[in-house]
Amino acid sequence: MRYLHTMVRVRDIDESLDFYCNKLGLKEFSRKESEKGRFTLIFLCAPEDEAKAKESKAPLLELTYNWPDENGNQEEYTSGRNFGHLAYRVENIYETCQKLMDGGVTINRPPRDGHMAFVKSPDGISIEILQEGDHLDPIEPWASMQNTGSW
């Protein structure tokens, strides 16, 4: 058995790609549009996993966009919290969180311990960010930053 991908439903492709690619740093790996099924699938990978993904050996994130119905109505999705969360390991958690904050992303659980943080996607999916290797030494403003909302 091999882990393949995690699927999350998104309401807005552009907003989701801005978050996952431009802010979080993932790369679009492939895309499939189904006129008959009225959906778009976009597969993303971590930059370090791109070569492995081409060999079908790296897990992917599948963004599923279900097109509006013939009346223009689009299904509403409830909070992503019941999904759980996605997790990504990064080289420097403080730099990653600062980049996300600079992009307008709320850090729901700051990396006070130099090891773990949480943010949410535009669709409410919790994203855990973990420091690669040992915890970084606590530094400000992160060490005293309070939680915001839920994660």
N, C-alpha and C. Protein backbone atom coordinates (compact mmCIF):
# COMPACT_ATOMS: atom_id res chain seq x y z
N MET A 1 0.84 -1.17 0.00
CA MET A 1 0.00 0.00 0.00
C MET A 1 0.90 1.24 0.00
N ARG A 2 0.45 2.29 -0.71
CA ARG A 2 1.22 3.52 -0.80
C ARG A 2 0.27 4.70 -0.74
N TYR A 3 0.60 5.69 0.06
CA TYR A 3 -0.20 6.91 0.17
C TYR A 3 -0.12 7.69 -1.14
N LEU A 4 -1.28 8.09 -1.69
CA LEU A 4 -1.30 8.79 -2.98
C LEU A 4 -1.55 10.28 -2.86
N HIS A 5 -2.70 10.65 -2.27
CA HIS A 5 -3.02 12.07 -2.18
C HIS A 5 -4.08 12.33 -1.13
N THR A 6 -4.24 13.60 -0.80
CA THR A 6 -5.32 14.07 0.05
C THR A 6 -6.16 15.01 -0.79
N MET A 7 -7.48 14.87 -0.73
CA MET A 7 -8.37 15.73 -1.50
C MET A 7 -9.08 16.70 -0.58
N VAL A 8 -9.11 17.97 -0.99
CA VAL A 8 -9.93 18.96 -0.31
C VAL A 8 -10.75 19.69 -1.37
N ARG A 9 -11.99 20.02 -1.02
CA ARG A 9 -12.85 20.76 -1.93
C ARG A 9 -12.60 22.24 -1.75
N VAL A 10 -12.61 22.98 -2.86
CA VAL A 10 -12.37 24.42 -2.81
C VAL A 10 -13.51 25.15 -3.50
N ARG A 11 -13.80 26.37 -3.04
CA ARG A 11 -14.86 27.20 -3.62
C ARG A 11 -14.38 28.06 -4.77
N ASP A 12 -13.11 28.46 -4.73
CA ASP A 12 -12.58 29.42 -5.70
C ASP A 12 -11.18 28.97 -6.09
N ILE A 13 -11.00 28.58 -7.34
CA ILE A 13 -9.70 28.05 -7.79
C ILE A 13 -8.60 29.09 -7.64
N ASP A 14 -8.84 30.31 -8.12
CA ASP A 14 -7.80 31.35 -8.08
C ASP A 14 -7.38 31.67 -6.65
N GLU A 15 -8.34 31.84 -5.77
CA GLU A 15 -8.05 32.14 -4.37
C GLU A 15 -7.28 30.98 -3.73
N SER A 16 -7.68 29.75 -4.02
CA SER A 16 -7.01 28.58 -3.45
C SER A 16 -5.59 28.43 -3.98
N LEU A 17 -5.39 28.63 -5.29
CA LEU A 17 -4.05 28.53 -5.85
C LEU A 17 -3.15 29.64 -5.32
N ASP A 18 -3.71 30.83 -5.11
CA ASP A 18 -2.93 31.91 -4.53
C ASP A 18 -2.43 31.49 -3.15
N PHE A 19 -3.32 30.90 -2.33
CA PHE A 19 -2.91 30.46 -1.00
C PHE A 19 -1.91 29.32 -1.07
N TYR A 20 -2.27 28.21 -1.72
CA TYR A 20 -1.43 27.02 -1.69
C TYR A 20 -0.12 27.19 -2.45
N CYS A 21 -0.13 27.91 -3.57
CA CYS A 21 1.08 28.05 -4.39
C CYS A 21 1.87 29.32 -4.04
N ASN A 22 1.23 30.48 -4.15
CA ASN A 22 1.95 31.74 -3.95
C ASN A 22 2.34 31.99 -2.50
N LYS A 23 1.50 31.59 -1.57
CA LYS A 23 1.77 31.87 -0.16
C LYS A 23 2.41 30.69 0.57
N LEU A 24 1.84 29.49 0.42
CA LEU A 24 2.38 28.33 1.12
C LEU A 24 3.59 27.74 0.38
N GLY A 25 3.65 27.91 -0.93
CA GLY A 25 4.83 27.49 -1.68
C GLY A 25 4.73 26.17 -2.42
N LEU A 26 3.52 25.59 -2.53
CA LEU A 26 3.37 24.36 -3.31
C LEU A 26 3.41 24.68 -4.80
N LYS A 27 3.54 23.65 -5.63
CA LYS A 27 3.58 23.82 -7.09
C LYS A 27 2.45 23.04 -7.72
N GLU A 28 1.84 23.64 -8.76
CA GLU A 28 0.83 22.90 -9.50
C GLU A 28 1.53 21.82 -10.31
N PHE A 29 1.09 20.59 -10.11
CA PHE A 29 1.70 19.44 -10.76
C PHE A 29 0.92 19.03 -12.00
N SER A 30 -0.41 18.97 -11.87
CA SER A 30 -1.25 18.62 -13.02
C SER A 30 -2.66 19.13 -12.79
N ARG A 31 -3.44 19.14 -13.88
CA ARG A 31 -4.81 19.62 -13.83
C ARG A 31 -5.66 18.79 -14.78
N LYS A 32 -6.89 18.51 -14.34
CA LYS A 32 -7.84 17.77 -15.17
C LYS A 32 -9.20 18.44 -15.06
N GLU A 33 -9.82 18.71 -16.20
CA GLU A 33 -11.16 19.27 -16.22
C GLU A 33 -12.10 18.25 -16.82
N SER A 34 -13.25 18.05 -16.17
CA SER A 34 -14.24 17.10 -16.67
C SER A 34 -15.53 17.85 -16.98
N GLU A 35 -15.78 18.06 -18.25
CA GLU A 35 -17.02 18.72 -18.68
C GLU A 35 -18.23 17.87 -18.27
N LYS A 36 -18.13 16.56 -18.49
CA LYS A 36 -19.23 15.66 -18.16
C LYS A 36 -19.50 15.63 -16.65
N GLY A 37 -18.45 15.54 -15.86
CA GLY A 37 -18.61 15.48 -14.41
C GLY A 37 -18.74 16.85 -13.76
N ARG A 38 -18.48 17.91 -14.54
CA ARG A 38 -18.58 19.30 -14.07
C ARG A 38 -17.68 19.56 -12.87
N PHE A 39 -16.39 19.20 -13.02
CA PHE A 39 -15.43 19.46 -11.96
C PHE A 39 -14.05 19.69 -12.54
N THR A 40 -13.19 20.30 -11.74
CA THR A 40 -11.78 20.50 -12.06
C THR A 40 -10.97 19.92 -10.92
N LEU A 41 -9.95 19.13 -11.27
CA LEU A 41 -9.02 18.59 -10.28
C LEU A 41 -7.65 19.21 -10.53
N ILE A 42 -7.06 19.74 -9.49
CA ILE A 42 -5.73 20.33 -9.58
C ILE A 42 -4.86 19.63 -8.54
N PHE A 43 -3.78 19.02 -9.00
CA PHE A 43 -2.88 18.31 -8.10
C PHE A 43 -1.66 19.18 -7.83
N LEU A 44 -1.32 19.31 -6.55
CA LEU A 44 -0.19 20.12 -6.11
C LEU A 44 0.83 19.24 -5.41
N CYS A 45 2.09 19.67 -5.47
CA CYS A 45 3.14 18.95 -4.74
C CYS A 45 4.06 19.97 -4.08
N ALA A 46 4.77 19.50 -3.08
CA ALA A 46 5.81 20.32 -2.47
C ALA A 46 6.97 20.41 -3.46
N PRO A 47 7.64 21.56 -3.54
CA PRO A 47 8.73 21.71 -4.52
C PRO A 47 9.77 20.60 -4.44
N GLU A 48 10.11 20.17 -3.24
CA GLU A 48 11.12 19.13 -3.08
C GLU A 48 10.62 17.76 -3.52
N ASP A 49 9.30 17.62 -3.70
CA ASP A 49 8.72 16.34 -4.11
C ASP A 49 8.39 16.27 -5.61
N GLU A 50 8.66 17.34 -6.34
CA GLU A 50 8.24 17.38 -7.74
C GLU A 50 8.84 16.24 -8.57
N ALA A 51 10.12 15.99 -8.44
CA ALA A 51 10.75 14.92 -9.22
C ALA A 51 10.14 13.57 -8.86
N LYS A 52 9.91 13.33 -7.56
CA LYS A 52 9.31 12.07 -7.13
C LYS A 52 7.86 11.96 -7.62
N ALA A 53 7.16 13.08 -7.66
CA ALA A 53 5.76 13.07 -8.12
C ALA A 53 5.70 12.64 -9.59
N LYS A 54 6.68 13.05 -10.38
CA LYS A 54 6.70 12.68 -11.80
C LYS A 54 6.88 11.17 -11.96
N GLU A 55 7.47 10.53 -10.98
CA GLU A 55 7.64 9.08 -11.00
C GLU A 55 6.53 8.38 -10.23
N SER A 56 5.48 9.12 -9.86
CA SER A 56 4.34 8.60 -9.08
C SER A 56 4.77 8.06 -7.72
N LYS A 57 5.76 8.72 -7.11
CA LYS A 57 6.26 8.24 -5.83
C LYS A 57 6.10 9.26 -4.71
N ALA A 58 5.46 10.38 -4.97
CA ALA A 58 5.29 11.38 -3.92
C ALA A 58 3.80 11.66 -3.72
N PRO A 59 3.39 11.85 -2.49
CA PRO A 59 1.98 12.20 -2.26
C PRO A 59 1.67 13.59 -2.79
N LEU A 60 0.42 13.77 -3.19
CA LEU A 60 -0.03 15.03 -3.76
C LEU A 60 -1.22 15.56 -2.98
N LEU A 61 -1.48 16.84 -3.14
CA LEU A 61 -2.68 17.46 -2.63
C LEU A 61 -3.61 17.67 -3.82
N GLU A 62 -4.81 17.12 -3.76
CA GLU A 62 -5.79 17.27 -4.83
C GLU A 62 -6.81 18.33 -4.41
N LEU A 63 -6.86 19.43 -5.17
CA LEU A 63 -7.89 20.43 -4.98
C LEU A 63 -9.03 20.09 -5.93
N THR A 64 -10.22 19.91 -5.40
CA THR A 64 -11.39 19.58 -6.21
C THR A 64 -12.33 20.76 -6.25
N TYR A 65 -12.58 21.26 -7.44
CA TYR A 65 -13.52 22.36 -7.63
C TYR A 65 -14.73 21.82 -8.39
N ASN A 66 -15.87 21.78 -7.71
CA ASN A 66 -17.12 21.36 -8.35
C ASN A 66 -17.78 22.59 -8.96
N TRP A 67 -18.03 22.53 -10.25
CA TRP A 67 -18.57 23.68 -10.98
C TRP A 67 -19.98 24.01 -10.49
N PRO A 68 -20.37 25.27 -10.60
CA PRO A 68 -21.76 25.64 -10.26
C PRO A 68 -22.75 24.89 -11.16
N ASP A 69 -23.98 24.70 -10.64
CA ASP A 69 -25.00 24.03 -11.45
C ASP A 69 -25.49 24.94 -12.56
N GLU A 70 -26.42 24.45 -13.36
CA GLU A 70 -26.91 25.21 -14.52
C GLU A 70 -27.56 26.53 -14.13
N ASN A 71 -27.96 26.67 -12.86
CA ASN A 71 -28.55 27.93 -12.38
C ASN A 71 -27.51 28.85 -11.75
N GLY A 72 -26.24 28.44 -11.78
CA GLY A 72 -25.18 29.24 -11.20
C GLY A 72 -24.98 29.05 -9.71
N ASN A 73 -25.70 28.08 -9.14
CA ASN A 73 -25.56 27.82 -7.71
C ASN A 73 -24.38 26.90 -7.45
N GLN A 74 -23.62 27.22 -6.42
CA GLN A 74 -22.48 26.39 -6.06
C GLN A 74 -22.69 25.83 -4.66
N GLU A 75 -22.35 24.58 -4.49
CA GLU A 75 -22.50 23.92 -3.20
C GLU A 75 -21.64 24.61 -2.16
N GLU A 76 -22.19 24.81 -0.97
CA GLU A 76 -21.44 25.37 0.15
C GLU A 76 -20.84 24.22 0.95
N TYR A 77 -19.62 24.40 1.36
CA TYR A 77 -18.96 23.38 2.19
C TYR A 77 -18.87 23.89 3.61
N THR A 78 -19.05 23.00 4.55
CA THR A 78 -18.95 23.39 5.95
C THR A 78 -17.48 23.48 6.34
N SER A 79 -17.23 23.91 7.54
CA SER A 79 -15.87 24.11 8.04
C SER A 79 -14.99 22.90 7.77
N GLY A 80 -13.76 23.16 7.37
CA GLY A 80 -12.81 22.10 7.10
C GLY A 80 -12.27 21.45 8.36
N ARG A 81 -12.64 21.96 9.51
CA ARG A 81 -12.08 21.41 10.75
C ARG A 81 -12.43 19.93 10.92
N ASN A 82 -13.59 19.50 10.45
CA ASN A 82 -13.94 18.09 10.59
C ASN A 82 -13.06 17.21 9.71
N PHE A 83 -12.36 17.80 8.76
CA PHE A 83 -11.43 17.08 7.90
C PHE A 83 -10.19 16.68 8.68
N GLY A 84 -9.74 17.51 9.58
CA GLY A 84 -8.47 17.30 10.28
C GLY A 84 -7.51 18.36 9.81
N HIS A 85 -6.38 17.97 9.26
CA HIS A 85 -5.45 18.98 8.75
C HIS A 85 -4.45 18.35 7.78
N LEU A 86 -3.81 19.22 7.01
CA LEU A 86 -2.67 18.85 6.17
C LEU A 86 -1.43 19.24 6.95
N ALA A 87 -0.31 18.60 6.71
CA ALA A 87 0.92 18.94 7.40
C ALA A 87 2.08 19.02 6.41
N TYR A 88 2.90 20.06 6.59
CA TYR A 88 4.08 20.27 5.75
C TYR A 88 5.27 20.59 6.63
N ARG A 89 6.42 20.02 6.30
CA ARG A 89 7.67 20.32 7.00
C ARG A 89 8.40 21.39 6.20
N VAL A 90 8.97 22.38 6.91
CA VAL A 90 9.65 23.50 6.26
C VAL A 90 11.05 23.67 6.83
N GLU A 91 11.91 24.33 6.06
CA GLU A 91 13.30 24.55 6.49
C GLU A 91 13.40 25.54 7.64
N ASN A 92 12.58 26.60 7.61
CA ASN A 92 12.61 27.60 8.67
C ASN A 92 11.19 28.06 8.94
N ILE A 93 10.64 27.61 10.06
CA ILE A 93 9.24 27.89 10.38
C ILE A 93 8.98 29.38 10.56
N TYR A 94 9.94 30.11 11.11
CA TYR A 94 9.74 31.55 11.31
C TYR A 94 9.67 32.28 9.97
N GLU A 95 10.56 31.94 9.05
CA GLU A 95 10.53 32.58 7.72
C GLU A 95 9.24 32.23 6.98
N THR A 96 8.82 30.97 7.08
CA THR A 96 7.59 30.54 6.41
C THR A 96 6.38 31.30 6.98
N CYS A 97 6.28 31.38 8.29
CA CYS A 97 5.15 32.08 8.91
C CYS A 97 5.18 33.57 8.58
N GLN A 98 6.36 34.17 8.54
CA GLN A 98 6.45 35.59 8.19
C GLN A 98 5.99 35.82 6.76
N LYS A 99 6.41 34.93 5.85
CA LYS A 99 5.98 35.04 4.44
C LYS A 99 4.46 34.92 4.34
N LEU A 100 3.88 33.98 5.08
CA LEU A 100 2.43 33.82 5.07
C LEU A 100 1.74 35.07 5.63
N MET A 101 2.24 35.59 6.74
CA MET A 101 1.65 36.80 7.33
C MET A 101 1.77 37.98 6.37
N ASP A 102 2.91 38.12 5.72
CA ASP A 102 3.11 39.21 4.75
C ASP A 102 2.13 39.08 3.59
N GLY A 103 1.68 37.85 3.31
CA GLY A 103 0.70 37.60 2.26
C GLY A 103 -0.74 37.72 2.73
N GLY A 104 -0.94 38.13 3.97
CA GLY A 104 -2.29 38.33 4.49
C GLY A 104 -2.90 37.11 5.16
N VAL A 105 -2.11 36.08 5.41
CA VAL A 105 -2.61 34.86 6.05
C VAL A 105 -2.51 35.01 7.57
N THR A 106 -3.57 34.68 8.27
CA THR A 106 -3.57 34.71 9.74
C THR A 106 -2.85 33.47 10.27
N ILE A 107 -1.93 33.68 11.19
CA ILE A 107 -1.26 32.56 11.85
C ILE A 107 -2.12 32.22 13.05
N ASN A 108 -2.92 31.16 12.94
CA ASN A 108 -3.86 30.79 14.01
C ASN A 108 -3.15 30.28 15.25
N ARG A 109 -2.12 29.49 15.07
CA ARG A 109 -1.32 28.99 16.18
C ARG A 109 0.13 29.33 15.83
N PRO A 110 0.67 30.42 16.42
CA PRO A 110 2.03 30.83 16.09
C PRO A 110 3.07 29.81 16.54
N PRO A 111 4.25 29.84 15.91
CA PRO A 111 5.32 28.89 16.26
C PRO A 111 6.10 29.33 17.50
N ARG A 112 5.41 29.48 18.62
CA ARG A 112 6.05 29.94 19.86
C ARG A 112 7.20 29.04 20.28
N ASP A 113 7.07 27.75 19.99
CA ASP A 113 8.07 26.77 20.41
C ASP A 113 9.16 26.53 19.36
N GLY A 114 9.09 27.27 18.24
CA GLY A 114 10.08 27.07 17.18
C GLY A 114 9.90 25.76 16.44
N HIS A 115 8.72 25.15 16.59
CA HIS A 115 8.51 23.83 15.99
C HIS A 115 7.22 23.70 15.20
N MET A 116 6.11 24.27 15.69
CA MET A 116 4.81 23.99 15.08
C MET A 116 3.97 25.26 14.99
N ALA A 117 3.27 25.39 13.86
CA ALA A 117 2.32 26.48 13.67
C ALA A 117 1.13 25.94 12.89
N PHE A 118 0.01 26.66 12.93
CA PHE A 118 -1.17 26.32 12.15
C PHE A 118 -1.72 27.56 11.47
N VAL A 119 -2.16 27.39 10.22
CA VAL A 119 -2.88 28.41 9.46
C VAL A 119 -4.09 27.73 8.84
N LYS A 120 -4.94 28.50 8.19
CA LYS A 120 -6.08 27.92 7.47
C LYS A 120 -6.10 28.41 6.04
N SER A 121 -6.54 27.53 5.15
CA SER A 121 -6.71 27.89 3.74
C SER A 121 -7.95 28.76 3.61
N PRO A 122 -8.19 29.35 2.44
CA PRO A 122 -9.41 30.13 2.24
C PRO A 122 -10.68 29.32 2.46
N ASP A 123 -10.60 28.00 2.36
CA ASP A 123 -11.77 27.14 2.55
C ASP A 123 -11.84 26.56 3.96
N GLY A 124 -11.02 27.04 4.88
CA GLY A 124 -11.07 26.60 6.26
C GLY A 124 -10.34 25.31 6.56
N ILE A 125 -9.48 24.85 5.66
CA ILE A 125 -8.70 23.65 5.90
C ILE A 125 -7.51 24.00 6.78
N SER A 126 -7.34 23.30 7.88
CA SER A 126 -6.22 23.55 8.78
C SER A 126 -4.93 23.00 8.16
N ILE A 127 -3.88 23.83 8.22
CA ILE A 127 -2.57 23.46 7.69
C ILE A 127 -1.58 23.52 8.85
N GLU A 128 -0.96 22.39 9.15
CA GLU A 128 0.08 22.35 10.18
C GLU A 128 1.43 22.55 9.51
N ILE A 129 2.23 23.44 10.08
CA ILE A 129 3.57 23.71 9.56
C ILE A 129 4.55 23.28 10.64
N LEU A 130 5.45 22.37 10.28
CA LEU A 130 6.40 21.81 11.24
C LEU A 130 7.83 22.15 10.84
N GLN A 131 8.64 22.50 11.82
CA GLN A 131 10.05 22.78 11.60
C GLN A 131 10.82 21.51 11.29
N GLU A 132 11.60 21.53 10.22
CA GLU A 132 12.46 20.40 9.90
C GLU A 132 13.59 20.31 10.93
N GLY A 133 13.90 19.10 11.37
CA GLY A 133 14.99 18.92 12.33
C GLY A 133 14.61 19.39 13.71
N ASP A 134 15.61 19.88 14.43
CA ASP A 134 15.40 20.34 15.80
C ASP A 134 14.55 21.61 15.85
N HIS A 135 13.90 21.82 16.98
CA HIS A 135 13.14 23.04 17.20
C HIS A 135 14.11 24.23 17.09
N LEU A 136 13.62 25.34 16.53
CA LEU A 136 14.40 26.56 16.55
C LEU A 136 14.24 27.22 17.92
N ASP A 137 15.22 28.00 18.32
CA ASP A 137 15.10 28.72 19.59
C ASP A 137 13.93 29.69 19.49
N PRO A 138 13.13 29.81 20.57
CA PRO A 138 12.03 30.77 20.56
C PRO A 138 12.54 32.19 20.35
N ILE A 139 11.85 32.94 19.49
CA ILE A 139 12.20 34.35 19.25
C ILE A 139 10.92 35.16 19.13
N GLU A 140 11.05 36.46 19.31
CA GLU A 140 9.93 37.37 19.14
C GLU A 140 9.82 37.74 17.66
N PRO A 141 8.65 38.03 17.18
CA PRO A 141 7.41 38.23 17.92
C PRO A 141 6.67 36.92 18.22
N TRP A 142 7.19 35.81 17.71
CA TRP A 142 6.49 34.53 17.78
C TRP A 142 6.32 34.02 19.20
N ALA A 143 7.34 34.18 20.04
CA ALA A 143 7.32 33.59 21.38
C ALA A 143 6.16 34.09 22.23
N SER A 144 5.75 35.35 22.04
CA SER A 144 4.67 35.89 22.86
C SER A 144 3.37 36.09 22.09
N MET A 145 3.34 35.68 20.84
CA MET A 145 2.13 35.85 20.02
C MET A 145 1.04 34.90 20.48
N GLN A 146 -0.16 35.40 20.61
CA GLN A 146 -1.30 34.60 21.06
C GLN A 146 -1.96 33.86 19.89
N ASN A 147 -2.69 32.82 20.20
CA ASN A 147 -3.49 32.10 19.20
C ASN A 147 -4.58 33.03 18.68
N THR A 148 -4.97 32.80 17.43
CA THR A 148 -6.06 33.55 16.81
C THR A 148 -7.04 32.56 16.21
N GLY A 149 -8.29 32.61 16.65
CA GLY A 149 -9.30 31.71 16.11
C GLY A 149 -9.02 30.26 16.47
N SER A 150 -9.44 29.38 15.61
CA SER A 150 -9.25 27.94 15.85
C SER A 150 -8.36 27.38 14.76
N TRP A 151 -7.87 26.18 15.02
CA TRP A 151 -7.08 25.50 14.00
C TRP A 151 -7.36 24.05 14.04
